[in-house]
Amino acid sequence: MLNLLKTLPWKPLLWIAAALFALWLIHQHGYRRGFTSAELDGKTALEKQQAESKAALASLQADFARQIHRHAERENVALLAWQQRYQQQVNTANKAEQRYLSQTASLRQQNENLKRRIDDVTQRWIDEQGKSHPVQCVFTAGFVQQYNAAYGLSTDSETGSAAAVGRVGGTSTTAEAVNPRLRDSGITQRDILAHSADAGERSQQLAAQVNGLLDYIEGLQQ
């Protein structure tokens, strides 16, 4: 066994071993260097990717913030326009109301003035010779019924007839045979004018309401 070991070419084997060890050292050094370089490259790439991700996120956040800001501006503009339109509508309604109240007050004053002058034109009349006479005007029950019908009021002929009969008192057979619609209703010129003044006031008030409503609707459409 010793002779066999002595006969081995130790010197070449040592050179081979040294060469293999050197190669192993070179491999290890290259591995470490490559690992370090790869690790550095990976870290650099990761940092770059993170920086790009942060930049992209910041860009998205900035874009989102701009969109929110633009949306808020549009909302503010729309709200301001709505407020202005609403205020215009309120002003239009207030003006229409003021016009109506003013017209109503004017109509009320006109009605009172008309009624104050009723006696001036219902008490006496003057003939062609300038002689003054007391007014003698009879409105029959039928006339009053027709008058009421024109205003959409009750035209109960039986009620009118009963009232007329009550006034006459049944003084004669001839009177009982008279058509109740032709009897004196007891209504005077003064009553007719007073009612016409009230009816005219109500009619003009309704016209003022309709005109005010039309003005308000027209204001809403502007």
Protein backbone atom coordinates (compact mmCIF):
# COMPACT_ATOMS: atom_id res chain seq x y z
CA MET A 1 0.00 0.00 0.00
CA LEU A 2 2.80 2.40 0.87
CA ASN A 3 4.60 1.47 -2.28
CA LEU A 4 1.45 2.26 -4.24
CA LEU A 5 1.18 5.67 -2.61
CA LYS A 6 4.83 6.33 -3.32
CA THR A 7 4.35 5.52 -6.95
CA LEU A 8 1.46 8.05 -7.39
CA PRO A 9 2.29 11.26 -9.32
CA TRP A 10 1.79 13.61 -6.40
CA LYS A 11 3.14 16.67 -8.01
CA PRO A 12 0.69 16.67 -10.92
CA LEU A 13 -2.09 15.82 -8.52
CA LEU A 14 -1.18 18.75 -6.32
CA TRP A 15 -1.18 21.04 -9.32
CA ILE A 16 -4.56 19.73 -10.33
CA ALA A 17 -5.88 20.18 -6.80
CA ALA A 18 -4.47 23.69 -6.66
CA ALA A 19 -6.05 24.48 -10.01
CA LEU A 20 -9.39 23.10 -8.86
CA PHE A 21 -9.18 25.08 -5.65
CA ALA A 22 -8.34 28.21 -7.61
CA LEU A 23 -11.28 27.58 -9.88
CA TRP A 24 -13.48 27.08 -6.85
CA LEU A 25 -12.25 30.35 -5.37
CA ILE A 26 -12.86 32.13 -8.66
CA HIS A 27 -16.34 30.61 -8.81
CA GLN A 28 -17.12 31.65 -5.27
CA HIS A 29 -15.85 35.16 -5.89
CA GLY A 30 -17.84 35.41 -9.11
CA TYR A 31 -20.91 34.04 -7.35
CA ARG A 32 -20.62 36.52 -4.53
CA ARG A 33 -19.94 39.35 -6.94
CA GLY A 34 -22.81 38.31 -9.19
CA PHE A 35 -25.14 37.92 -6.20
CA THR A 36 -24.14 41.33 -4.88
CA SER A 37 -24.55 42.88 -8.31
CA ALA A 38 -27.87 41.14 -8.84
CA GLU A 39 -29.02 42.18 -5.39
CA LEU A 40 -27.99 45.78 -6.10
CA ASP A 41 -29.67 45.70 -9.50
CA GLY A 42 -32.80 44.22 -7.97
CA LYS A 43 -32.85 46.84 -5.24
CA THR A 44 -32.32 49.58 -7.82
CA ALA A 45 -35.08 48.18 -10.02
CA LEU A 46 -37.39 47.86 -7.01
CA GLU A 47 -36.69 51.42 -5.93
CA LYS A 48 -37.27 52.60 -9.48
CA GLN A 49 -40.54 50.67 -9.65
CA GLN A 50 -41.60 52.06 -6.28
CA ALA A 51 -40.72 55.58 -7.41
CA GLU A 52 -42.70 55.08 -10.62
CA SER A 53 -45.62 53.65 -8.65
CA LYS A 54 -45.54 56.60 -6.27
CA ALA A 55 -45.37 59.01 -9.20
CA ALA A 56 -48.28 57.24 -10.92
CA LEU A 57 -50.27 57.27 -7.67
CA ALA A 58 -49.50 60.95 -7.14
CA SER A 59 -50.57 61.66 -10.72
CA LEU A 60 -53.82 59.75 -10.22
CA GLN A 61 -54.45 61.56 -6.95
CA ALA A 62 -53.75 64.93 -8.57
CA ASP A 63 -56.04 64.08 -11.51
CA PHE A 64 -58.76 62.93 -9.11
CA ALA A 65 -58.34 66.11 -7.07
CA ARG A 66 -58.64 68.20 -10.26
CA GLN A 67 -61.78 66.33 -11.26
CA ILE A 68 -63.25 66.85 -7.80
CA HIS A 69 -62.37 70.54 -7.98
CA ARG A 70 -63.91 70.93 -11.46
CA HIS A 71 -67.01 69.04 -10.32
CA ALA A 72 -67.28 71.26 -7.25
CA GLU A 73 -66.92 74.35 -9.43
CA ARG A 74 -69.66 73.12 -11.77
CA GLU A 75 -71.87 72.36 -8.78
CA ASN A 76 -71.22 75.81 -7.36
CA VAL A 77 -72.02 77.45 -10.70
CA ALA A 78 -75.21 75.40 -11.01
CA LEU A 79 -76.18 76.19 -7.42
CA LEU A 80 -75.52 79.90 -7.94
CA ALA A 81 -77.61 79.87 -11.13
CA TRP A 82 -80.41 78.03 -9.31
CA GLN A 83 -80.27 80.51 -6.43
CA GLN A 84 -80.43 83.43 -8.84
CA ARG A 85 -83.35 81.87 -10.71
CA TYR A 86 -85.12 81.11 -7.43
CA GLN A 87 -84.59 84.69 -6.25
CA GLN A 88 -85.96 85.97 -9.56
CA GLN A 89 -89.02 83.77 -9.12
CA VAL A 90 -89.48 85.02 -5.56
CA ASN A 91 -89.16 88.62 -6.75
CA THR A 92 -91.65 87.94 -9.54
CA ALA A 93 -94.09 86.38 -7.07
CA ASN A 94 -93.65 89.27 -4.64
CA LYS A 95 -94.23 91.83 -7.37
CA ALA A 96 -97.33 89.96 -8.58
CA GLU A 97 -98.63 89.82 -5.01
CA GLN A 98 -97.99 93.52 -4.46
CA ARG A 99 -99.76 94.40 -7.71
CA TYR A 100 -102.71 92.23 -6.72
CA LEU A 101 -102.92 93.73 -3.22
CA SER A 102 -102.67 97.23 -4.66
CA GLN A 103 -105.40 96.50 -7.21
CA THR A 104 -107.57 94.91 -4.52
CA ALA A 105 -107.23 97.96 -2.29
CA SER A 106 -108.02 100.22 -5.24
CA LEU A 107 -111.09 98.15 -6.12
CA ARG A 108 -112.28 98.26 -2.51
CA GLN A 109 -111.95 102.04 -2.48
CA GLN A 110 -113.74 102.26 -5.81
CA ASN A 111 -116.58 100.10 -4.47
CA GLU A 112 -116.98 102.32 -1.42
CA ASN A 113 -117.00 105.44 -3.59
CA LEU A 114 -119.64 103.95 -5.86
CA LYS A 115 -121.88 103.04 -2.95
CA ARG A 116 -121.58 106.52 -1.48
CA ARG A 117 -122.94 107.94 -4.73
CA ILE A 118 -125.84 105.49 -5.07
CA ASP A 119 -128.33 107.73 -3.27
CA ASP A 120 -127.46 110.59 -5.61
CA VAL A 121 -128.83 108.69 -8.59
CA THR A 122 -131.64 106.62 -7.05
CA GLN A 123 -133.69 109.11 -5.00
CA ARG A 124 -135.02 111.63 -7.57
CA TRP A 125 -135.13 112.20 -11.31
CA ILE A 126 -135.59 115.39 -13.40
CA ASP A 127 -137.97 115.61 -16.35
CA GLU A 128 -137.54 117.60 -19.57
CA GLN A 129 -138.87 120.76 -17.92
CA GLY A 130 -136.28 120.45 -15.18
CA LYS A 131 -138.81 119.47 -12.55
CA SER A 132 -137.59 117.06 -9.90
CA HIS A 133 -139.63 113.97 -9.06
CA PRO A 134 -139.14 111.16 -6.57
CA VAL A 135 -138.00 107.94 -8.18
CA GLN A 136 -140.76 105.40 -8.50
CA CYS A 137 -139.21 102.22 -9.89
CA VAL A 138 -140.61 98.75 -9.36
CA PHE A 139 -138.59 95.58 -9.90
CA THR A 140 -140.87 92.60 -10.24
CA ALA A 141 -140.18 89.24 -8.65
CA GLY A 142 -139.58 87.85 -12.14
CA PHE A 143 -137.03 90.58 -12.85
CA VAL A 144 -135.18 89.72 -9.63
CA GLN A 145 -135.23 86.02 -10.53
CA GLN A 146 -133.76 86.76 -13.94
CA TYR A 147 -131.20 89.07 -12.39
CA ASN A 148 -130.17 86.41 -9.89
CA ALA A 149 -130.01 83.78 -12.61
CA ALA A 150 -127.61 85.97 -14.57
CA TYR A 151 -125.28 85.90 -11.55
CA GLY A 152 -125.76 82.19 -10.93
CA LEU A 153 -127.80 82.78 -7.77
CA SER A 154 -130.94 80.99 -6.57
CA THR A 155 -134.01 81.42 -8.80
CA ASP A 156 -136.54 79.52 -6.69
CA SER A 157 -139.83 80.80 -8.10
CA GLU A 158 -141.82 79.36 -5.21
CA THR A 159 -139.81 81.39 -2.71
CA GLY A 160 -140.26 84.53 -4.77
CA SER A 161 -143.96 83.91 -5.15
CA ALA A 162 -144.44 83.30 -1.44
CA ALA A 163 -142.63 86.50 -0.59
CA ALA A 164 -144.77 88.45 -3.05
CA VAL A 165 -147.97 86.96 -1.72
CA GLY A 166 -146.95 87.77 1.82
CA ARG A 167 -146.47 91.42 0.89
CA VAL A 168 -149.75 91.71 -0.96
CA GLY A 169 -151.72 90.15 1.90
CA GLY A 170 -154.50 88.76 -0.33
CA THR A 171 -156.53 91.97 -0.52
CA SER A 172 -158.56 90.93 -3.54
CA THR A 173 -159.38 88.02 -5.77
CA THR A 174 -157.95 89.92 -8.72
CA ALA A 175 -154.62 90.35 -6.94
CA GLU A 176 -154.50 86.63 -6.16
CA ALA A 177 -154.93 85.86 -9.84
CA VAL A 178 -151.95 88.01 -10.84
CA ASN A 179 -148.83 86.17 -11.94
CA PRO A 180 -146.54 86.18 -8.88
CA ARG A 181 -143.55 86.90 -11.12
CA LEU A 182 -145.09 90.28 -11.99
CA ARG A 183 -145.52 91.46 -8.44
CA ASP A 184 -143.29 94.00 -6.69
CA SER A 185 -140.17 92.29 -5.35
CA GLY A 186 -139.37 95.06 -2.91
CA ILE A 187 -135.94 95.43 -4.51
CA THR A 188 -134.94 99.03 -5.20
CA GLN A 189 -132.57 100.69 -7.61
CA ARG A 190 -130.25 101.20 -4.69
CA ASP A 191 -130.17 97.44 -4.02
CA ILE A 192 -129.40 96.71 -7.67
CA LEU A 193 -126.57 99.24 -7.83
CA ALA A 194 -125.09 98.06 -4.53
CA HIS A 195 -125.10 94.46 -5.70
CA SER A 196 -123.64 95.43 -9.07
CA ALA A 197 -120.86 97.35 -7.31
CA ASP A 198 -120.00 94.29 -5.21
CA ALA A 199 -120.23 91.95 -8.20
CA GLY A 200 -118.06 94.28 -10.28
CA GLU A 201 -115.47 94.41 -7.51
CA ARG A 202 -115.35 90.61 -7.28
CA SER A 203 -115.13 90.29 -11.06
CA GLN A 204 -112.23 92.72 -11.25
CA GLN A 205 -110.51 90.97 -8.33
CA LEU A 206 -110.72 87.67 -10.19
CA ALA A 207 -109.33 89.33 -13.31
CA ALA A 208 -106.48 90.76 -11.23
CA GLN A 209 -105.79 87.30 -9.78
CA VAL A 210 -105.71 85.72 -13.24
CA ASN A 211 -103.44 88.46 -14.61
CA GLY A 212 -101.14 88.13 -11.59
CA LEU A 213 -100.99 84.36 -12.06
CA LEU A 214 -100.18 84.77 -15.76
CA ASP A 215 -97.44 87.28 -14.92
CA TYR A 216 -96.01 84.84 -12.36
CA ILE A 217 -96.04 81.94 -14.83
CA GLU A 218 -94.39 84.13 -17.46
CA GLY A 219 -91.73 85.06 -14.92
CA LEU A 220 -91.04 81.38 -14.19
CA GLN A 221 -90.47 80.70 -17.88
CA GLN A 222 -87.85 83.41 -18.31
